[in-house]
Every structure is written in C-alpha cells, then in structure tokens.
N, C-alpha and C. Protein backbone atom coordinates (compact mmCIF):
# COMPACT_ATOMS: atom_id res chain seq x y z
N MET A 1 0.82 -1.19 0.00
CA MET A 1 0.00 0.00 0.00
C MET A 1 0.87 1.26 0.00
N ILE A 2 1.94 1.27 0.74
CA ILE A 2 2.84 2.43 0.79
C ILE A 2 3.46 2.67 -0.57
N LEU A 3 3.83 1.62 -1.27
CA LEU A 3 4.42 1.75 -2.59
C LEU A 3 3.45 2.44 -3.55
N LEU A 4 2.18 2.12 -3.50
CA LEU A 4 1.17 2.74 -4.35
C LEU A 4 1.07 4.23 -4.07
N ALA A 5 1.06 4.63 -2.82
CA ALA A 5 0.97 6.04 -2.45
C ALA A 5 2.19 6.80 -2.94
N ALA A 6 3.36 6.21 -2.85
CA ALA A 6 4.59 6.86 -3.31
C ALA A 6 4.56 7.07 -4.81
N ALA A 7 3.94 6.16 -5.55
CA ALA A 7 3.88 6.28 -7.00
C ALA A 7 2.99 7.43 -7.45
N LEU A 8 2.05 7.85 -6.61
CA LEU A 8 1.13 8.92 -6.97
C LEU A 8 1.71 10.32 -6.76
N VAL A 9 2.83 10.42 -6.06
CA VAL A 9 3.46 11.72 -5.82
C VAL A 9 4.19 12.17 -7.08
N GLU A 10 3.87 13.36 -7.55
CA GLU A 10 4.51 13.91 -8.74
C GLU A 10 5.36 15.09 -8.32
N LEU A 11 6.67 14.86 -8.17
CA LEU A 11 7.58 15.92 -7.76
C LEU A 11 8.09 16.68 -8.96
N ILE A 12 8.16 18.00 -8.81
CA ILE A 12 8.81 18.84 -9.83
C ILE A 12 9.99 19.52 -9.15
N THR A 13 11.00 19.84 -9.93
CA THR A 13 12.17 20.53 -9.41
C THR A 13 12.12 21.98 -9.86
N VAL A 14 12.21 22.89 -8.89
CA VAL A 14 12.27 24.32 -9.16
C VAL A 14 13.51 24.85 -8.43
N HIS A 15 13.85 26.10 -8.66
CA HIS A 15 15.08 26.66 -8.09
C HIS A 15 14.81 27.93 -7.31
N MET A 16 15.43 27.99 -6.13
CA MET A 16 15.38 29.20 -5.32
C MET A 16 16.23 30.26 -6.03
N ILE A 17 16.13 31.52 -5.63
CA ILE A 17 16.87 32.55 -6.34
C ILE A 17 18.38 32.47 -6.11
N ASP A 18 18.81 31.69 -5.11
CA ASP A 18 20.24 31.49 -4.90
C ASP A 18 20.76 30.27 -5.65
N GLY A 19 19.88 29.63 -6.46
CA GLY A 19 20.29 28.52 -7.31
C GLY A 19 20.02 27.14 -6.73
N ARG A 20 19.64 27.04 -5.47
CA ARG A 20 19.36 25.73 -4.87
C ARG A 20 18.12 25.11 -5.49
N ALA A 21 18.22 23.82 -5.78
CA ALA A 21 17.08 23.08 -6.33
C ALA A 21 16.19 22.60 -5.19
N VAL A 22 14.88 22.70 -5.42
CA VAL A 22 13.89 22.26 -4.43
C VAL A 22 12.86 21.41 -5.16
N GLN A 23 12.47 20.31 -4.54
CA GLN A 23 11.43 19.47 -5.13
C GLN A 23 10.11 19.73 -4.42
N ILE A 24 9.07 19.89 -5.22
CA ILE A 24 7.74 20.19 -4.70
C ILE A 24 6.76 19.17 -5.26
N ASN A 25 5.85 18.71 -4.42
CA ASN A 25 4.79 17.82 -4.86
C ASN A 25 3.81 18.66 -5.67
N SER A 26 3.73 18.41 -6.95
CA SER A 26 2.89 19.24 -7.83
C SER A 26 1.41 19.16 -7.46
N GLN A 27 1.00 18.11 -6.78
CA GLN A 27 -0.40 17.96 -6.39
C GLN A 27 -0.76 18.87 -5.21
N GLN A 28 0.25 19.46 -4.57
CA GLN A 28 0.01 20.37 -3.45
C GLN A 28 0.02 21.84 -3.87
N ILE A 29 0.22 22.11 -5.15
CA ILE A 29 0.24 23.50 -5.63
C ILE A 29 -1.20 23.97 -5.79
N THR A 30 -1.51 25.12 -5.14
CA THR A 30 -2.86 25.66 -5.24
C THR A 30 -2.91 26.95 -6.05
N GLN A 31 -1.80 27.66 -6.15
CA GLN A 31 -1.81 28.94 -6.83
C GLN A 31 -0.40 29.30 -7.29
N LEU A 32 -0.32 29.95 -8.45
CA LEU A 32 0.94 30.51 -8.93
C LEU A 32 0.76 32.02 -9.01
N ILE A 33 1.67 32.76 -8.38
CA ILE A 33 1.58 34.21 -8.34
C ILE A 33 2.79 34.78 -9.04
N HIS A 34 2.56 35.62 -10.05
CA HIS A 34 3.67 36.22 -10.79
C HIS A 34 4.51 37.07 -9.87
N GLY A 35 5.83 36.96 -10.03
CA GLY A 35 6.78 37.59 -9.12
C GLY A 35 7.13 39.02 -9.44
N SER A 36 8.41 39.32 -9.44
CA SER A 36 8.91 40.69 -9.49
C SER A 36 8.60 41.42 -10.81
N GLU A 37 8.22 40.68 -11.82
CA GLU A 37 7.81 41.34 -13.06
C GLU A 37 6.37 41.81 -12.89
N GLY A 38 6.11 43.04 -13.19
CA GLY A 38 4.74 43.55 -13.07
C GLY A 38 4.52 44.32 -11.81
N PRO A 39 3.28 44.29 -11.29
CA PRO A 39 2.90 45.16 -10.18
C PRO A 39 3.41 44.73 -8.80
N ASN A 40 3.93 43.52 -8.67
CA ASN A 40 4.37 43.03 -7.36
C ASN A 40 5.76 43.56 -7.01
N LYS A 41 5.84 44.76 -6.54
CA LYS A 41 7.12 45.40 -6.25
C LYS A 41 7.70 45.00 -4.90
N VAL A 42 6.95 44.28 -4.07
CA VAL A 42 7.42 43.93 -2.74
C VAL A 42 8.29 42.68 -2.71
N LEU A 43 8.36 41.95 -3.79
CA LEU A 43 9.14 40.72 -3.82
C LEU A 43 10.61 41.00 -4.15
N VAL A 44 11.47 40.12 -3.71
CA VAL A 44 12.90 40.24 -3.94
C VAL A 44 13.20 40.11 -5.43
N LYS A 45 14.16 40.90 -5.91
CA LYS A 45 14.56 40.82 -7.32
C LYS A 45 15.03 39.39 -7.61
N GLY A 46 14.59 38.86 -8.72
CA GLY A 46 14.95 37.50 -9.12
C GLY A 46 13.84 36.49 -8.89
N VAL A 47 12.84 36.85 -8.08
CA VAL A 47 11.69 35.97 -7.88
C VAL A 47 10.74 36.20 -9.04
N HIS A 48 10.55 35.15 -9.83
CA HIS A 48 9.67 35.27 -10.99
C HIS A 48 8.31 34.64 -10.75
N CYS A 49 8.23 33.76 -9.75
CA CYS A 49 6.96 33.12 -9.44
C CYS A 49 6.94 32.72 -7.97
N VAL A 50 5.79 32.89 -7.35
CA VAL A 50 5.58 32.43 -5.98
C VAL A 50 4.56 31.30 -6.05
N ILE A 51 4.94 30.16 -5.51
CA ILE A 51 4.09 28.98 -5.54
C ILE A 51 3.42 28.85 -4.17
N ARG A 52 2.10 28.82 -4.16
CA ARG A 52 1.36 28.63 -2.91
C ARG A 52 0.96 27.17 -2.82
N LEU A 53 1.14 26.57 -1.63
CA LEU A 53 0.86 25.16 -1.42
C LEU A 53 -0.37 24.96 -0.56
N THR A 54 -0.85 23.73 -0.51
CA THR A 54 -2.08 23.42 0.22
C THR A 54 -2.01 23.75 1.71
N ASP A 55 -0.82 23.77 2.29
CA ASP A 55 -0.69 24.10 3.71
C ASP A 55 -0.52 25.61 3.93
N SER A 56 -0.81 26.40 2.90
CA SER A 56 -0.72 27.87 2.91
C SER A 56 0.71 28.39 2.95
N SER A 57 1.71 27.54 2.78
CA SER A 57 3.09 28.01 2.70
C SER A 57 3.37 28.48 1.27
N PHE A 58 4.45 29.23 1.13
CA PHE A 58 4.84 29.78 -0.16
C PHE A 58 6.28 29.38 -0.48
N VAL A 59 6.57 29.22 -1.77
CA VAL A 59 7.93 28.98 -2.23
C VAL A 59 8.18 30.00 -3.33
N SER A 60 9.19 30.85 -3.16
CA SER A 60 9.56 31.84 -4.17
C SER A 60 10.63 31.23 -5.06
N VAL A 61 10.40 31.24 -6.38
CA VAL A 61 11.31 30.55 -7.29
C VAL A 61 11.79 31.45 -8.42
N ALA A 62 12.91 31.04 -9.01
CA ALA A 62 13.50 31.79 -10.12
C ALA A 62 12.78 31.52 -11.44
N GLU A 63 12.11 30.37 -11.55
CA GLU A 63 11.37 30.06 -12.77
C GLU A 63 10.16 30.99 -12.90
N THR A 64 9.76 31.23 -14.13
CA THR A 64 8.52 31.99 -14.34
C THR A 64 7.34 31.07 -14.06
N CYS A 65 6.17 31.68 -13.87
CA CYS A 65 4.97 30.86 -13.64
C CYS A 65 4.66 30.00 -14.86
N ALA A 66 4.97 30.48 -16.05
CA ALA A 66 4.75 29.69 -17.26
C ALA A 66 5.65 28.45 -17.25
N GLU A 67 6.89 28.60 -16.78
CA GLU A 67 7.80 27.45 -16.69
C GLU A 67 7.31 26.44 -15.65
N VAL A 68 6.79 26.93 -14.54
CA VAL A 68 6.25 26.04 -13.50
C VAL A 68 5.03 25.30 -14.05
N GLU A 69 4.16 26.02 -14.75
CA GLU A 69 2.98 25.38 -15.36
C GLU A 69 3.40 24.28 -16.32
N ALA A 70 4.45 24.53 -17.11
CA ALA A 70 4.94 23.52 -18.05
C ALA A 70 5.46 22.28 -17.30
N LYS A 71 6.11 22.51 -16.16
CA LYS A 71 6.64 21.39 -15.37
C LYS A 71 5.53 20.53 -14.78
N ILE A 72 4.38 21.13 -14.49
CA ILE A 72 3.28 20.35 -13.95
C ILE A 72 2.37 19.85 -15.07
N GLY A 73 2.82 20.01 -16.29
CA GLY A 73 2.10 19.45 -17.43
C GLY A 73 0.93 20.30 -17.88
N GLY A 74 0.94 21.57 -17.53
CA GLY A 74 -0.15 22.46 -17.93
C GLY A 74 -1.47 22.13 -17.27
N LYS A 75 -1.43 21.36 -16.18
CA LYS A 75 -2.66 20.98 -15.48
C LYS A 75 -3.26 22.20 -14.80
N PRO A 76 -4.57 22.37 -14.90
CA PRO A 76 -5.21 23.50 -14.21
C PRO A 76 -5.10 23.33 -12.70
N LEU A 77 -4.92 24.41 -11.99
CA LEU A 77 -4.79 24.36 -10.52
C LEU A 77 -6.15 24.41 -9.87
C-alpha cells in the first residue's frame, strides 16, 4: 500500500533565487503568483513566481509561472 501512495506523488524541481534546487509535490500546488515582473514590487529581485501550497506556505522561485505550469504538465490548478 505504501508503494502505491509513493507512486502517486509527482515531484517537480524548481530553483530558489540562490540557485538551490527544491522538489515540490505538484499535487500540493494551489496557486501561482507572478513575481517581481509587473505590479508586485514587494518581492525580492529574481523571484519570478511564488508557488502557494495546500498548507498555505509559499515557495519563491527563479522560474517563471509559465515554466512552472509547463513542469506540472499544464494541469489547471
């Protein structure tokens, strides 16, 4: 049973702005928020997308939201 549950986890790799790779369960992504490009002036330079997760935590990444969407297979959130 544990093996089956592990097979259902779809991890994607994204990068923090300092270059570190982080793996995120794509099934826990609830929202993608566009980063420093555009009206969001409060985010650190280099953050192109903020990923919101089911536990209400956030991950700020160097990839654009379009790149994150491509990594999750274009699945609607």
